[in-house]
Amino acid sequence: MSMYLPEAVRKGLEEARKTAMRRSSRLCVHNDDQVYKVLRLWDGGFAMDAEDAPHLRGHVDLYDGMRHLYQCLVIASREENGEMIFEFKWHTAVHDRPPVDFERISEEPVALIGRRAD
């Protein structure tokens, strides 16, 4: 069995892989008024398609669909395998309510008390 594929077949497979990753990923980066699709996300950064990706540097917002995930400070580090790799200098999770500096005491009942069977 041959381990080598013709160049046209290899390019076709790579394009199909990129298209599948773009369709399956809901992640995107917002930079000012521009929106860019993210192919992969990990703890230290994310990857975008090298053809579409600008050399981002600075503050961006990372979204999963309409849900705001992170505020990030990023730098474009390198290009590998057709992907532009961006690394986080820092990223902070976005919360849906402001933080508080006191303990919230819940007045809700912990359990229900049933009737006694007599």
PDB file of N, CA and C in Angstrom:
ATOM      1  N   MET A   1       0.845  -1.177   0.000  1.00  0.00           N
ATOM      2  CA  MET A   1       0.000   0.000   0.000  1.00  0.00           C
ATOM      3  C   MET A   1       0.891   1.241   0.000  1.00  0.00           C
ATOM      4  N   SER A   2       0.525   2.207  -0.794  1.00  0.00           N
ATOM      5  CA  SER A   2       1.316   3.425  -0.910  1.00  0.00           C
ATOM      6  C   SER A   2       0.943   4.421   0.179  1.00  0.00           C
ATOM      7  N   MET A   3       1.940   5.036   0.789  1.00  0.00           N
ATOM      8  CA  MET A   3       1.707   6.011   1.849  1.00  0.00           C
ATOM      9  C   MET A   3       1.677   7.433   1.297  1.00  0.00           C
ATOM     10  N   TYR A   4       1.899   7.590   0.000  1.00  0.00           N
ATOM     11  CA  TYR A   4       1.988   8.910  -0.602  1.00  0.00           C
ATOM     12  C   TYR A   4       0.735   9.181  -1.426  1.00  0.00           C
ATOM     13  N   LEU A   5       0.211  10.381  -1.284  1.00  0.00           N
ATOM     14  CA  LEU A   5      -0.958  10.793  -2.050  1.00  0.00           C
ATOM     15  C   LEU A   5      -0.544  11.853  -3.056  1.00  0.00           C
ATOM     16  N   PRO A   6      -1.224  11.899  -4.181  1.00  0.00           N
ATOM     17  CA  PRO A   6      -0.940  12.974  -5.131  1.00  0.00           C
ATOM     18  C   PRO A   6      -1.223  14.337  -4.496  1.00  0.00           C
ATOM     19  N   GLU A   7      -0.543  15.360  -4.977  1.00  0.00           N
ATOM     20  CA  GLU A   7      -0.665  16.710  -4.408  1.00  0.00           C
ATOM     21  C   GLU A   7      -2.101  17.216  -4.463  1.00  0.00           C
ATOM     22  N   ALA A   8      -2.813  16.961  -5.551  1.00  0.00           N
ATOM     23  CA  ALA A   8      -4.201  17.432  -5.695  1.00  0.00           C
ATOM     24  C   ALA A   8      -5.107  16.780  -4.649  1.00  0.00           C
ATOM     25  N   VAL A   9      -4.907  15.504  -4.398  1.00  0.00           N
ATOM     26  CA  VAL A   9      -5.717  14.801  -3.403  1.00  0.00           C
ATOM     27  C   VAL A   9      -5.413  15.335  -2.006  1.00  0.00           C
ATOM     28  N   ARG A  10      -4.150  15.549  -1.708  1.00  0.00           N
ATOM     29  CA  ARG A  10      -3.742  16.064  -0.407  1.00  0.00           C
ATOM     30  C   ARG A  10      -4.335  17.456  -0.157  1.00  0.00           C
ATOM     31  N   LYS A  11      -4.296  18.328  -1.171  1.00  0.00           N
ATOM     32  CA  LYS A  11      -4.873  19.670  -1.039  1.00  0.00           C
ATOM     33  C   LYS A  11      -6.387  19.601  -0.853  1.00  0.00           C
ATOM     34  N   GLY A  12      -7.032  18.702  -1.588  1.00  0.00           N
ATOM     35  CA  GLY A  12      -8.485  18.531  -1.447  1.00  0.00           C
ATOM     36  C   GLY A  12      -8.867  18.063  -0.056  1.00  0.00           C
ATOM     37  N   LEU A  13      -8.107  17.125   0.493  1.00  0.00           N
ATOM     38  CA  LEU A  13      -8.377  16.643   1.853  1.00  0.00           C
ATOM     39  C   LEU A  13      -8.163  17.736   2.886  1.00  0.00           C
ATOM     40  N   GLU A  14      -7.129  18.547   2.703  1.00  0.00           N
ATOM     41  CA  GLU A  14      -6.846  19.642   3.633  1.00  0.00           C
ATOM     42  C   GLU A  14      -7.953  20.688   3.585  1.00  0.00           C
ATOM     43  N   GLU A  15      -8.435  21.027   2.390  1.00  0.00           N
ATOM     44  CA  GLU A  15      -9.539  21.991   2.267  1.00  0.00           C
ATOM     45  C   GLU A  15     -10.820  21.444   2.898  1.00  0.00           C
ATOM     46  N   ALA A  16     -11.084  20.162   2.714  1.00  0.00           N
ATOM     47  CA  ALA A  16     -12.268  19.551   3.320  1.00  0.00           C
ATOM     48  C   ALA A  16     -12.166  19.577   4.848  1.00  0.00           C
ATOM     49  N   ARG A  17     -10.976  19.337   5.386  1.00  0.00           N
ATOM     50  CA  ARG A  17     -10.780  19.381   6.836  1.00  0.00           C
ATOM     51  C   ARG A  17     -11.013  20.784   7.371  1.00  0.00           C
ATOM     52  N   LYS A  18     -10.468  21.802   6.676  1.00  0.00           N
ATOM     53  CA  LYS A  18     -10.653  23.187   7.110  1.00  0.00           C
ATOM     54  C   LYS A  18     -12.120  23.597   7.053  1.00  0.00           C
ATOM     55  N   THR A  19     -12.806  23.198   5.992  1.00  0.00           N
ATOM     56  CA  THR A  19     -14.226  23.535   5.850  1.00  0.00           C
ATOM     57  C   THR A  19     -15.039  22.894   6.958  1.00  0.00           C
ATOM     58  N   ALA A  20     -14.751  21.650   7.294  1.00  0.00           N
ATOM     59  CA  ALA A  20     -15.466  20.968   8.372  1.00  0.00           C
ATOM     60  C   ALA A  20     -15.207  21.639   9.713  1.00  0.00           C
ATOM     61  N   MET A  21     -13.971  22.066   9.952  1.00  0.00           N
ATOM     62  CA  MET A  21     -13.655  22.746  11.211  1.00  0.00           C
ATOM     63  C   MET A  21     -14.360  24.089  11.299  1.00  0.00           C
ATOM     64  N   ARG A  22     -14.434  24.822  10.181  1.00  0.00           N
ATOM     65  CA  ARG A  22     -15.127  26.117  10.181  1.00  0.00           C
ATOM     66  C   ARG A  22     -16.605  25.950  10.470  1.00  0.00           C
ATOM     67  N   ARG A  23     -17.221  24.942   9.884  1.00  0.00           N
ATOM     68  CA  ARG A  23     -18.657  24.724  10.075  1.00  0.00           C
ATOM     69  C   ARG A  23     -18.984  24.246  11.473  1.00  0.00           C
ATOM     70  N   SER A  24     -18.126  23.410  12.046  1.00  0.00           N
ATOM     71  CA  SER A  24     -18.426  22.835  13.362  1.00  0.00           C
ATOM     72  C   SER A  24     -18.116  23.800  14.495  1.00  0.00           C
ATOM     73  N   SER A  25     -17.243  24.758  14.278  1.00  0.00           N
ATOM     74  CA  SER A  25     -16.839  25.667  15.340  1.00  0.00           C
ATOM     75  C   SER A  25     -17.749  26.885  15.378  1.00  0.00           C
ATOM     76  N   ARG A  26     -18.260  27.204  16.565  1.00  0.00           N
ATOM     77  CA  ARG A  26     -19.048  28.415  16.759  1.00  0.00           C
ATOM     78  C   ARG A  26     -18.202  29.527  17.339  1.00  0.00           C
ATOM     79  N   LEU A  27     -16.941  29.227  17.619  1.00  0.00           N
ATOM     80  CA  LEU A  27     -16.058  30.211  18.239  1.00  0.00           C
ATOM     81  C   LEU A  27     -15.670  31.297  17.243  1.00  0.00           C
ATOM     82  N   CYS A  28     -15.605  32.530  17.734  1.00  0.00           N
ATOM     83  CA  CYS A  28     -15.164  33.634  16.897  1.00  0.00           C
ATOM     84  C   CYS A  28     -14.507  34.699  17.767  1.00  0.00           C
ATOM     85  N   VAL A  29     -13.666  35.496  17.114  1.00  0.00           N
ATOM     86  CA  VAL A  29     -12.956  36.582  17.771  1.00  0.00           C
ATOM     87  C   VAL A  29     -13.499  37.893  17.233  1.00  0.00           C
ATOM     88  N   HIS A  30     -13.820  38.815  18.136  1.00  0.00           N
ATOM     89  CA  HIS A  30     -14.277  40.148  17.750  1.00  0.00           C
ATOM     90  C   HIS A  30     -13.148  41.131  18.039  1.00  0.00           C
ATOM     91  N   ASN A  31     -12.731  41.837  17.004  1.00  0.00           N
ATOM     92  CA  ASN A  31     -11.698  42.863  17.132  1.00  0.00           C
ATOM     93  C   ASN A  31     -12.271  44.136  16.529  1.00  0.00           C
ATOM     94  N   ASP A  32     -12.639  45.092  17.379  1.00  0.00           N
ATOM     95  CA  ASP A  32     -13.347  46.300  16.961  1.00  0.00           C
ATOM     96  C   ASP A  32     -14.646  45.876  16.268  1.00  0.00           C
ATOM     97  N   ASP A  33     -14.806  46.197  14.985  1.00  0.00           N
ATOM     98  CA  ASP A  33     -16.028  45.827  14.257  1.00  0.00           C
ATOM     99  C   ASP A  33     -15.844  44.577  13.408  1.00  0.00           C
ATOM    100  N   GLN A  34     -14.679  43.981  13.441  1.00  0.00           N
ATOM    101  CA  GLN A  34     -14.382  42.803  12.633  1.00  0.00           C
ATOM    102  C   GLN A  34     -14.636  41.518  13.427  1.00  0.00           C
ATOM    103  N   VAL A  35     -15.115  40.474  12.741  1.00  0.00           N
ATOM    104  CA  VAL A  35     -15.367  39.167  13.350  1.00  0.00           C
ATOM    105  C   VAL A  35     -14.604  38.122  12.546  1.00  0.00           C
ATOM    106  N   TYR A  36     -13.847  37.269  13.242  1.00  0.00           N
ATOM    107  CA  TYR A  36     -13.041  36.233  12.607  1.00  0.00           C
ATOM    108  C   TYR A  36     -13.379  34.885  13.239  1.00  0.00           C
ATOM    109  N   LYS A  37     -13.505  33.843  12.406  1.00  0.00           N
ATOM    110  CA  LYS A  37     -13.795  32.495  12.890  1.00  0.00           C
ATOM    111  C   LYS A  37     -12.548  31.876  13.527  1.00  0.00           C
ATOM    112  N   VAL A  38     -12.764  31.151  14.618  1.00  0.00           N
ATOM    113  CA  VAL A  38     -11.692  30.436  15.319  1.00  0.00           C
ATOM    114  C   VAL A  38     -11.856  28.956  15.034  1.00  0.00           C
ATOM    115  N   LEU A  39     -10.771  28.299  14.639  1.00  0.00           N
ATOM    116  CA  LEU A  39     -10.824  26.867  14.350  1.00  0.00           C
ATOM    117  C   LEU A  39     -10.673  26.026  15.611  1.00  0.00           C
ATOM    118  N   ARG A  40      -9.700  26.381  16.456  1.00  0.00           N
ATOM    119  CA  ARG A  40      -9.430  25.605  17.677  1.00  0.00           C
ATOM    120  C   ARG A  40      -9.137  26.554  18.822  1.00  0.00           C
ATOM    121  N   LEU A  41      -9.435  26.094  20.041  1.00  0.00           N
ATOM    122  CA  LEU A  41      -9.161  26.858  21.259  1.00  0.00           C
ATOM    123  C   LEU A  41      -8.536  25.920  22.278  1.00  0.00           C
ATOM    124  N   TRP A  42      -7.515  26.367  22.980  1.00  0.00           N
ATOM    125  CA  TRP A  42      -6.907  25.597  24.065  1.00  0.00           C
ATOM    126  C   TRP A  42      -6.532  26.565  25.171  1.00  0.00           C
ATOM    127  N   ASP A  43      -5.945  26.076  26.249  1.00  0.00           N
ATOM    128  CA  ASP A  43      -5.644  26.900  27.418  1.00  0.00           C
ATOM    129  C   ASP A  43      -4.728  28.076  27.111  1.00  0.00           C
ATOM    130  N   GLY A  44      -3.764  27.889  26.232  1.00  0.00           N
ATOM    131  CA  GLY A  44      -2.774  28.925  25.985  1.00  0.00           C
ATOM    132  C   GLY A  44      -3.028  29.800  24.780  1.00  0.00           C
ATOM    133  N   GLY A  45      -4.109  29.532  24.014  1.00  0.00           N
ATOM    134  CA  GLY A  45      -4.362  30.339  22.831  1.00  0.00           C
ATOM    135  C   GLY A  45      -5.429  29.747  21.938  1.00  0.00           C
ATOM    136  N   PHE A  46      -5.397  30.160  20.677  1.00  0.00           N
ATOM    137  CA  PHE A  46      -6.362  29.665  19.698  1.00  0.00           C
ATOM    138  C   PHE A  46      -5.742  29.720  18.314  1.00  0.00           C
ATOM    139  N   ALA A  47      -6.406  29.054  17.348  1.00  0.00           N
ATOM    140  CA  ALA A  47      -5.915  29.002  15.976  1.00  0.00           C
ATOM    141  C   ALA A  47      -7.012  29.459  15.024  1.00  0.00           C
ATOM    142  N   MET A  48      -6.594  30.187  13.998  1.00  0.00           N
ATOM    143  CA  MET A  48      -7.498  30.631  12.943  1.00  0.00           C
ATOM    144  C   MET A  48      -6.901  30.216  11.604  1.00  0.00           C
ATOM    145  N   ASP A  49      -7.739  30.187  10.565  1.00  0.00           N
ATOM    146  CA  ASP A  49      -7.263  29.863   9.228  1.00  0.00           C
ATOM    147  C   ASP A  49      -6.277  30.941   8.786  1.00  0.00           C
ATOM    148  N   ALA A  50      -5.117  30.530   8.311  1.00  0.00           N
ATOM    149  CA  ALA A  50      -4.054  31.477   7.971  1.00  0.00           C
ATOM    150  C   ALA A  50      -4.448  32.391   6.811  1.00  0.00           C
ATOM    151  N   GLU A  51      -5.311  31.928   5.919  1.00  0.00           N
ATOM    152  CA  GLU A  51      -5.715  32.751   4.782  1.00  0.00           C
ATOM    153  C   GLU A  51      -6.595  33.918   5.215  1.00  0.00           C
ATOM    154  N   ASP A  52      -7.430  33.698   6.242  1.00  0.00           N
ATOM    155  CA  ASP A  52      -8.389  34.714   6.684  1.00  0.00           C
ATOM    156  C   ASP A  52      -7.904  35.525   7.873  1.00  0.00           C
ATOM    157  N   ALA A  53      -6.894  35.049   8.554  1.00  0.00           N
ATOM    158  CA  ALA A  53      -6.494  35.648   9.829  1.00  0.00           C
ATOM    159  C   ALA A  53      -5.594  36.856   9.636  1.00  0.00           C
ATOM    160  N   PRO A  54      -5.933  37.957  10.299  1.00  0.00           N
ATOM    161  CA  PRO A  54      -4.996  39.080  10.329  1.00  0.00           C
ATOM    162  C   PRO A  54      -3.959  38.828  11.425  1.00  0.00           C
ATOM    163  N   HIS A  55      -2.930  39.611  11.477  1.00  0.00           N
ATOM    164  CA  HIS A  55      -1.957  39.494  12.557  1.00  0.00           C
ATOM    165  C   HIS A  55      -2.468  40.319  13.730  1.00  0.00           C
ATOM    166  N   LEU A  56      -3.383  39.711  14.502  1.00  0.00           N
ATOM    167  CA  LEU A  56      -3.967  40.402  15.646  1.00  0.00           C
ATOM    168  C   LEU A  56      -2.930  40.595  16.736  1.00  0.00           C
ATOM    169  N   ARG A  57      -3.025  41.730  17.395  1.00  0.00           N
ATOM    170  CA  ARG A  57      -2.161  42.004  18.534  1.00  0.00           C
ATOM    171  C   ARG A  57      -2.920  42.976  19.414  1.00  0.00           C
ATOM    172  N   GLY A  58      -3.117  42.587  20.666  1.00  0.00           N
ATOM    173  CA  GLY A  58      -3.811  43.472  21.591  1.00  0.00           C
ATOM    174  C   GLY A  58      -5.100  42.863  22.114  1.00  0.00           C
ATOM    175  N   HIS A  59      -6.047  43.725  22.452  1.00  0.00           N
ATOM    176  CA  HIS A  59      -7.280  43.318  23.112  1.00  0.00           C
ATOM    177  C   HIS A  59      -8.308  42.815  22.100  1.00  0.00           C
ATOM    178  N   VAL A  60      -8.830  41.604  22.333  1.00  0.00           N
ATOM    179  CA  VAL A  60      -9.909  41.023  21.533  1.00  0.00           C
ATOM    180  C   VAL A  60     -10.909  40.364  22.476  1.00  0.00           C
ATOM    181  N   ASP A  61     -12.097  40.098  21.961  1.00  0.00           N
ATOM    182  CA  ASP A  61     -13.127  39.385  22.717  1.00  0.00           C
ATOM    183  C   ASP A  61     -13.398  38.064  22.028  1.00  0.00           C
ATOM    184  N   LEU A  62     -13.505  36.986  22.820  1.00  0.00           N
ATOM    185  CA  LEU A  62     -13.724  35.653  22.298  1.00  0.00           C
ATOM    186  C   LEU A  62     -15.151  35.228  22.623  1.00  0.00           C
ATOM    187  N   TYR A  63     -15.888  34.788  21.603  1.00  0.00           N
ATOM    188  CA  TYR A  63     -17.290  34.420  21.745  1.00  0.00           C
ATOM    189  C   TYR A  63     -17.505  32.977  21.313  1.00  0.00           C
ATOM    190  N   ASP A  64     -18.489  32.337  21.934  1.00  0.00           N
ATOM    191  CA  ASP A  64     -18.998  31.045  21.495  1.00  0.00           C
ATOM    192  C   ASP A  64     -20.428  31.300  21.049  1.00  0.00           C
ATOM    193  N   GLY A  65     -20.623  31.501  19.761  1.00  0.00           N
ATOM    194  CA  GLY A  65     -21.926  31.919  19.262  1.00  0.00           C
ATOM    195  C   GLY A  65     -22.217  33.328  19.748  1.00  0.00           C
ATOM    196  N   MET A  66     -23.279  33.493  20.534  1.00  0.00           N
ATOM    197  CA  MET A  66     -23.631  34.803  21.077  1.00  0.00           C
ATOM    198  C   MET A  66     -23.127  34.979  22.513  1.00  0.00           C
ATOM    199  N   ARG A  67     -22.568  33.925  23.103  1.00  0.00           N
ATOM    200  CA  ARG A  67     -22.118  33.978  24.490  1.00  0.00           C
ATOM    201  C   ARG A  67     -20.683  34.492  24.574  1.00  0.00           C
ATOM    202  N   HIS A  68     -20.481  35.565  25.316  1.00  0.00           N
ATOM    203  CA  HIS A  68     -19.169  36.173  25.491  1.00  0.00           C
ATOM    204  C   HIS A  68     -18.389  35.325  26.493  1.00  0.00           C
ATOM    205  N   LEU A  69     -17.271  34.726  26.052  1.00  0.00           N
ATOM    206  CA  LEU A  69     -16.478  33.846  26.914  1.00  0.00           C
ATOM    207  C   LEU A  69     -15.347  34.581  27.622  1.00  0.00           C
ATOM    208  N   TYR A  70     -14.473  35.235  26.854  1.00  0.00           N
ATOM    209  CA  TYR A  70     -13.252  35.811  27.408  1.00  0.00           C
ATOM    210  C   TYR A  70     -12.969  37.194  26.834  1.00  0.00           C
ATOM    211  N   GLN A  71     -12.332  38.010  27.645  1.00  0.00           N
ATOM    212  CA  GLN A  71     -11.644  39.199  27.180  1.00  0.00           C
ATOM    213  C   GLN A  71     -10.172  38.817  27.180  1.00  0.00           C
ATOM    214  N   CYS A  72      -9.485  39.049  26.069  1.00  0.00           N
ATOM    215  CA  CYS A  72      -8.125  38.520  25.908  1.00  0.00           C
ATOM    216  C   CYS A  72      -7.162  39.590  25.423  1.00  0.00           C
ATOM    217  N   LEU A  73      -5.915  39.401  25.789  1.00  0.00           N
ATOM    218  CA  LEU A  73      -4.806  40.143  25.218  1.00  0.00           C
ATOM    219  C   LEU A  73      -3.987  39.104  24.465  1.00  0.00           C
ATOM    220  N   VAL A  74      -3.900  39.248  23.137  1.00  0.00           N
ATOM    221  CA  VAL A  74      -3.292  38.204  22.307  1.00  0.00           C
ATOM    222  C   VAL A  74      -2.154  38.754  21.471  1.00  0.00           C
ATOM    223  N   ILE A  75      -1.370  37.814  20.961  1.00  0.00           N
ATOM    224  CA  ILE A  75      -0.311  38.129  20.008  1.00  0.00           C
ATOM    225  C   ILE A  75      -0.252  36.980  18.998  1.00  0.00           C
ATOM    226  N   ALA A  76      -0.097  37.322  17.724  1.00  0.00           N
ATOM    227  CA  ALA A  76       0.065  36.309  16.680  1.00  0.00           C
ATOM    228  C   ALA A  76       1.478  35.757  16.792  1.00  0.00           C
ATOM    229  N   SER A  77       1.596  34.456  17.052  1.00  0.00           N
ATOM    230  CA  SER A  77       2.922  33.919  17.315  1.00  0.00           C
ATOM    231  C   SER A  77       3.563  33.240  16.104  1.00  0.00           C
ATOM    232  N   ARG A  78       2.801  32.407  15.392  1.00  0.00           N
ATOM    233  CA  ARG A  78       3.414  31.687  14.279  1.00  0.00           C
ATOM    234  C   ARG A  78       2.327  31.125  13.357  1.00  0.00           C
ATOM    235  N   GLU A  79       2.767  30.660  12.204  1.00  0.00           N
ATOM    236  CA  GLU A  79       1.877  29.990  11.260  1.00  0.00           C
ATOM    237  C   GLU A  79       2.377  28.563  11.093  1.00  0.00           C
ATOM    238  N   GLU A  80       1.468  27.610  11.227  1.00  0.00           N
ATOM    239  CA  GLU A  80       1.848  26.218  11.012  1.00  0.00           C
ATOM    240  C   GLU A  80       0.661  25.436  10.470  1.00  0.00           C
ATOM    241  N   ASN A  81       0.920  24.609   9.479  1.00  0.00           N
ATOM    242  CA  ASN A  81      -0.081  23.757   8.845  1.00  0.00           C
ATOM    243  C   ASN A  81      -1.310  24.526   8.379  1.00  0.00           C
ATOM    244  N   GLY A  82      -1.111  25.701   7.815  1.00  0.00           N
ATOM    245  CA  GLY A  82      -2.226  26.480   7.295  1.00  0.00           C
ATOM    246  C   GLY A  82      -3.046  27.197   8.352  1.00  0.00           C
ATOM    247  N   GLU A  83      -2.577  27.208   9.593  1.00  0.00           N
ATOM    248  CA  GLU A  83      -3.284  27.886  10.685  1.00  0.00           C
ATOM    249  C   GLU A  83      -2.385  28.967  11.274  1.00  0.00           C
ATOM    250  N   MET A  84      -2.984  30.088  11.623  1.00  0.00           N
ATOM    251  CA  MET A  84      -2.278  31.142  12.338  1.00  0.00           C
ATOM    252  C   MET A  84      -2.525  30.897  13.821  1.00  0.00           C
ATOM    253  N   ILE A  85      -1.455  30.752  14.580  1.00  0.00           N
ATOM    254  CA  ILE A  85      -1.530  30.456  16.006  1.00  0.00           C
ATOM    255  C   ILE A  85      -1.410  31.758  16.794  1.00  0.00           C
ATOM    256  N   PHE A  86      -2.364  31.980  17.690  1.00  0.00           N
ATOM    257  CA  PHE A  86      -2.361  33.152  18.556  1.00  0.00           C
ATOM    258  C   PHE A  86      -2.197  32.686  19.998  1.00  0.00           C
ATOM    259  N   GLU A  87      -1.379  33.376  20.749  1.00  0.00           N
ATOM    260  CA  GLU A  87      -1.162  33.027  22.151  1.00  0.00           C
ATOM    261  C   GLU A  87      -1.754  34.107  23.048  1.00  0.00           C
ATOM    262  N   PHE A  88      -2.276  33.677  24.202  1.00  0.00           N
ATOM    263  CA  PHE A  88      -2.813  34.617  25.179  1.00  0.00           C
ATOM    264  C   PHE A  88      -1.685  35.193  26.015  1.00  0.00           C
ATOM    265  N   LYS A  89      -1.657  36.503  26.162  1.00  0.00           N
ATOM    266  CA  LYS A  89      -0.811  37.104  27.188  1.00  0.00           C
ATOM    267  C   LYS A  89      -1.582  37.038  28.503  1.00  0.00           C
ATOM    268  N   TRP A  90      -2.890  37.288  28.422  1.00  0.00           N
ATOM    269  CA  TRP A  90      -3.809  37.036  29.520  1.00  0.00           C
ATOM    270  C   TRP A  90      -5.203  36.890  28.935  1.00  0.00           C
ATOM    271  N   HIS A  91      -6.042  36.146  29.630  1.00  0.00           N
ATOM    272  CA  HIS A  91      -7.452  36.060  29.258  1.00  0.00           C
ATOM    273  C   HIS A  91      -8.273  35.919  30.536  1.00  0.00           C
ATOM    274  N   THR A  92      -9.377  36.643  30.566  1.00  0.00           N
ATOM    275  CA  THR A  92     -10.235  36.698  31.738  1.00  0.00           C
ATOM    276  C   THR A  92     -11.636  36.279  31.337  1.00  0.00           C
ATOM    277  N   ALA A  93     -12.211  35.372  32.109  1.00  0.00           N
ATOM    278  CA  ALA A  93     -13.580  34.934  31.839  1.00  0.00           C
ATOM    279  C   ALA A  93     -14.553  36.080  32.102  1.00  0.00           C
ATOM    280  N   VAL A  94     -15.562  36.169  31.272  1.00  0.00           N
ATOM    281  CA  VAL A  94     -16.580  37.194  31.413  1.00  0.00           C
ATOM    282  C   VAL A  94     -17.739  36.603  32.212  1.00  0.00           C
ATOM    283  N   HIS A  95     -18.204  37.321  33.230  1.00  0.00           N
ATOM    284  CA  HIS A  95     -19.302  36.857  34.075  1.00  0.00           C
ATOM    285  C   HIS A  95     -20.577  37.585  33.708  1.00  0.00           C
ATOM    286  N   ASP A  96     -21.718  36.941  33.982  1.00  0.00           N
ATOM    287  CA  ASP A  96     -22.995  37.550  33.626  1.00  0.00           C
ATOM    288  C   ASP A  96     -23.518  38.516  34.690  1.00  0.00           C
ATOM    289  N   ARG A  97     -22.880  38.555  35.846  1.00  0.00           N
ATOM    290  CA  ARG A  97     -23.257  39.531  36.879  1.00  0.00           C
ATOM    291  C   ARG A  97     -21.996  40.050  37.562  1.00  0.00           C
ATOM    292  N   PRO A  98     -22.074  41.233  38.127  1.00  0.00           N
ATOM    293  CA  PRO A  98     -20.863  41.806  38.743  1.00  0.00           C
ATOM    294  C   PRO A  98     -20.465  41.055  40.010  1.00  0.00           C
ATOM    295  N   PRO A  99     -19.178  41.041  40.327  1.00  0.00           N
ATOM    296  CA  PRO A  99     -18.732  40.380  41.553  1.00  0.00           C
ATOM    297  C   PRO A  99     -19.189  41.161  42.784  1.00  0.00           C
ATOM    298  N   VAL A 100     -19.345  40.447  43.895  1.00  0.00           N
ATOM    299  CA  VAL A 100     -19.743  41.084  45.156  1.00  0.00           C
ATOM    300  C   VAL A 100     -18.651  40.872  46.186  1.00  0.00           C
ATOM    301  N   ASP A 101     -18.592  41.754  47.173  1.00  0.00           N
ATOM    302  CA  ASP A 101     -17.576  41.630  48.211  1.00  0.00           C
ATOM    303  C   ASP A 101     -18.196  41.250  49.552  1.00  0.00           C
ATOM    304  N   PHE A 102     -19.309  40.505  49.487  1.00  0.00           N
ATOM    305  CA  PHE A 102     -19.958  40.027  50.695  1.00  0.00           C
ATOM    306  C   PHE A 102     -20.584  38.670  50.398  1.00  0.00           C
ATOM    307  N   GLU A 103     -20.925  37.947  51.450  1.00  0.00           N
ATOM    308  CA  GLU A 103     -21.539  36.640  51.296  1.00  0.00           C
ATOM    309  C   GLU A 103     -23.031  36.801  51.081  1.00  0.00           C
ATOM    310  N   ARG A 104     -23.536  36.147  50.064  1.00  0.00           N
ATOM    311  CA  ARG A 104     -24.973  36.165  49.819  1.00  0.00           C
ATOM    312  C   ARG A 104     -25.608  35.035  50.618  1.00  0.00           C
ATOM    313  N   ILE A 105     -26.515  35.409  51.512  1.00  0.00           N
ATOM    314  CA  ILE A 105     -27.190  34.415  52.356  1.00  0.00           C
ATOM    315  C   ILE A 105     -28.491  34.041  51.673  1.00  0.00           C
ATOM    316  N   SER A 106     -28.655  32.786  51.412  1.00  0.00           N
ATOM    317  CA  SER A 106     -29.846  32.307  50.735  1.00  0.00           C
ATOM    318  C   SER A 106     -30.932  32.019  51.763  1.00  0.00           C
ATOM    319  N   GLU A 107     -32.106  32.558  51.553  1.00  0.00           N
ATOM    320  CA  GLU A 107     -33.246  32.333  52.432  1.00  0.00           C
ATOM    321  C   GLU A 107     -34.167  31.239  51.897  1.00  0.00           C
ATOM    322  N   GLU A 108     -33.732  30.561  50.880  1.00  0.00           N
ATOM    323  CA  GLU A 108     -34.545  29.506  50.288  1.00  0.00           C
ATOM    324  C   GLU A 108     -34.513  28.273  51.180  1.00  0.00           C
ATOM    325  N   PRO A 109     -35.630  27.525  51.247  1.00  0.00           N
ATOM    326  CA  PRO A 109     -35.627  26.300  52.047  1.00  0.00           C
ATOM    327  C   PRO A 109     -34.697  25.253  51.443  1.00  0.00           C
ATOM    328  N   VAL A 110     -34.065  24.522  52.331  1.00  0.00           N
ATOM    329  CA  VAL A 110     -33.124  23.510  51.883  1.00  0.00           C
ATOM    330  C   VAL A 110     -33.852  22.228  51.518  1.00  0.00           C
ATOM    331  N   ALA A 111     -34.923  21.905  52.215  1.00  0.00           N
ATOM    332  CA  ALA A 111     -35.685  20.684  51.949  1.00  0.00           C
ATOM    333  C   ALA A 111     -37.152  20.940  52.263  1.00  0.00           C
ATOM    334  N   LEU A 112     -37.999  20.072  51.764  1.00  0.00           N
ATOM    335  CA  LEU A 112     -39.421  20.148  52.047  1.00  0.00           C
ATOM    336  C   LEU A 112     -39.766  19.205  53.186  1.00  0.00           C
ATOM    337  N   ILE A 113     -40.643  19.654  54.078  1.00  0.00           N
ATOM    338  CA  ILE A 113     -41.072  18.807  55.180  1.00  0.00           C
ATOM    339  C   ILE A 113     -42.430  18.231  54.803  1.00  0.00           C
ATOM    340  N   GLY A 114     -42.486  16.919  54.739  1.00  0.00           N
ATOM    341  CA  GLY A 114     -43.725  16.261  54.341  1.00  0.00           C
ATOM    342  C   GLY A 114     -44.673  16.055  55.521  1.00  0.00           C
ATOM    343  N   ARG A 115     -45.891  15.659  55.228  1.00  0.00           N
ATOM    344  CA  ARG A 115     -46.874  15.368  56.269  1.00  0.00           C
ATOM    345  C   ARG A 115     -46.585  14.027  56.911  1.00  0.00           C
ATOM    346  N   ARG A 116     -46.897  13.969  58.228  1.00  0.00           N
ATOM    347  CA  ARG A 116     -46.732  12.705  58.933  1.00  0.00           C
ATOM    348  C   ARG A 116     -47.917  11.807  58.666  1.00  0.00           C
ATOM    349  N   ALA A 117     -47.622  10.585  58.402  1.00  0.00           N
ATOM    350  CA  ALA A 117     -48.704   9.602  58.209  1.00  0.00           C
ATOM    351  C   ALA A 117     -49.134   9.077  59.574  1.00  0.00           C
ATOM    352  N   ASP A 118     -50.381   9.348  59.981  1.00  0.00           N
ATOM    353  CA  ASP A 118     -50.891   8.869  61.272  1.00  0.00           C
ATOM    354  C   ASP A 118     -51.773   7.688  61.114  1.00  0.00           C
TER     355      ASP A 118
END
